Amino acid sequence: MAEVVNLRTKRKQAARAAARKTAGESAARSGRTRAERELEEARAEKSARDLDAHRRETD
């Protein structure tokens, strides 16, 4: 026989898991120091500049 499952409970558990995941991502994102955020931003800008510099110009 199969086990009886309460769907409402399962939905609530899934919602809690999703909330925990997003909370963890937010904590990781905002848990960085200002220097780390600025360094990551500078690296992203440099990467974008380097990529743009390697593009071919088509007339």
C-alpha atoms as a PDB file:
ATOM      1  CA  MET A   1       0.000   0.000   0.000  1.00  0.00           C
ATOM      2  CA  ALA A   2       1.055   3.536  -0.645  1.00  0.00           C
ATOM      3  CA  GLU A   3       1.566   6.024   2.140  1.00  0.00           C
ATOM      4  CA  VAL A   4      -1.125   8.673   2.594  1.00  0.00           C
ATOM      5  CA  VAL A   5       0.246  12.169   1.993  1.00  0.00           C
ATOM      6  CA  ASN A   6      -1.313  15.434   3.065  1.00  0.00           C
ATOM      7  CA  LEU A   7      -0.903  17.721   0.043  1.00  0.00           C
ATOM      8  CA  ARG A   8      -1.412  20.904   2.043  1.00  0.00           C
ATOM      9  CA  THR A   9       1.503  19.952   4.310  1.00  0.00           C
ATOM     10  CA  LYS A  10       3.693  19.126   1.325  1.00  0.00           C
ATOM     11  CA  ARG A  11       2.887  22.493  -0.292  1.00  0.00           C
ATOM     12  CA  LYS A  12       3.761  24.309   2.923  1.00  0.00           C
ATOM     13  CA  GLN A  13       7.048  22.391   3.203  1.00  0.00           C
ATOM     14  CA  ALA A  14       7.934  23.298  -0.386  1.00  0.00           C
ATOM     15  CA  ALA A  15       7.110  26.953   0.252  1.00  0.00           C
ATOM     16  CA  ARG A  16       9.284  26.973   3.383  1.00  0.00           C
ATOM     17  CA  ALA A  17      12.170  25.385   1.491  1.00  0.00           C
ATOM     18  CA  ALA A  18      11.894  28.000  -1.261  1.00  0.00           C
ATOM     19  CA  ALA A  19      11.795  30.808   1.316  1.00  0.00           C
ATOM     20  CA  ARG A  20      14.886  29.392   3.046  1.00  0.00           C
ATOM     21  CA  LYS A  21      16.712  29.241  -0.282  1.00  0.00           C
ATOM     22  CA  THR A  22      15.937  32.846  -1.210  1.00  0.00           C
ATOM     23  CA  ALA A  23      16.791  34.010   2.312  1.00  0.00           C
ATOM     24  CA  GLY A  24      20.141  32.255   2.085  1.00  0.00           C
ATOM     25  CA  GLU A  25      20.888  33.871  -1.258  1.00  0.00           C
ATOM     26  CA  SER A  26      19.968  37.304   0.087  1.00  0.00           C
ATOM     27  CA  ALA A  27      22.132  36.807   3.160  1.00  0.00           C
ATOM     28  CA  ALA A  28      25.074  35.740   1.025  1.00  0.00           C
ATOM     29  CA  ARG A  29      24.628  38.713  -1.283  1.00  0.00           C
ATOM     30  CA  SER A  30      24.282  41.324   1.442  1.00  0.00           C
ATOM     31  CA  GLY A  31      26.749  39.654   3.783  1.00  0.00           C
ATOM     32  CA  ARG A  32      29.724  40.898   1.786  1.00  0.00           C
ATOM     33  CA  THR A  33      31.872  43.845   2.708  1.00  0.00           C
ATOM     34  CA  ARG A  34      31.829  47.036   0.712  1.00  0.00           C
ATOM     35  CA  ALA A  35      35.296  46.296  -0.653  1.00  0.00           C
ATOM     36  CA  GLU A  36      34.188  42.862  -1.873  1.00  0.00           C
ATOM     37  CA  ARG A  37      31.141  44.331  -3.623  1.00  0.00           C
ATOM     38  CA  GLU A  38      33.231  47.052  -5.270  1.00  0.00           C
ATOM     39  CA  LEU A  39      35.868  44.531  -6.335  1.00  0.00           C
ATOM     40  CA  GLU A  40      33.246  42.280  -7.916  1.00  0.00           C
ATOM     41  CA  GLU A  41      31.677  45.248  -9.689  1.00  0.00           C
ATOM     42  CA  ALA A  42      35.071  46.420 -10.992  1.00  0.00           C
ATOM     43  CA  ARG A  43      35.867  42.925 -12.252  1.00  0.00           C
ATOM     44  CA  ALA A  44      32.519  42.734 -14.055  1.00  0.00           C
ATOM     45  CA  GLU A  45      33.085  46.125 -15.689  1.00  0.00           C
ATOM     46  CA  LYS A  46      36.593  45.140 -16.785  1.00  0.00           C
ATOM     47  CA  SER A  47      35.301  41.877 -18.190  1.00  0.00           C
ATOM     48  CA  ALA A  48      32.646  43.752 -20.181  1.00  0.00           C
ATOM     49  CA  ARG A  49      35.235  46.251 -21.478  1.00  0.00           C
ATOM     50  CA  ASP A  50      37.598  43.455 -22.510  1.00  0.00           C
ATOM     51  CA  LEU A  51      34.795  41.639 -24.313  1.00  0.00           C
ATOM     52  CA  ASP A  52      33.747  44.812 -26.138  1.00  0.00           C
ATOM     53  CA  ALA A  53      37.358  45.483 -27.132  1.00  0.00           C
ATOM     54  CA  HIS A  54      37.542  42.138 -28.919  1.00  0.00           C
ATOM     55  CA  ARG A  55      34.444  42.677 -31.023  1.00  0.00           C
ATOM     56  CA  ARG A  56      34.762  43.083 -34.733  1.00  0.00           C
ATOM     57  CA  GLU A  57      33.347  46.199 -36.216  1.00  0.00           C
ATOM     58  CA  THR A  58      31.099  45.586 -39.194  1.00  0.00           C
ATOM     59  CA  ASP A  59      30.224  48.434 -41.510  1.00  0.00           C
END
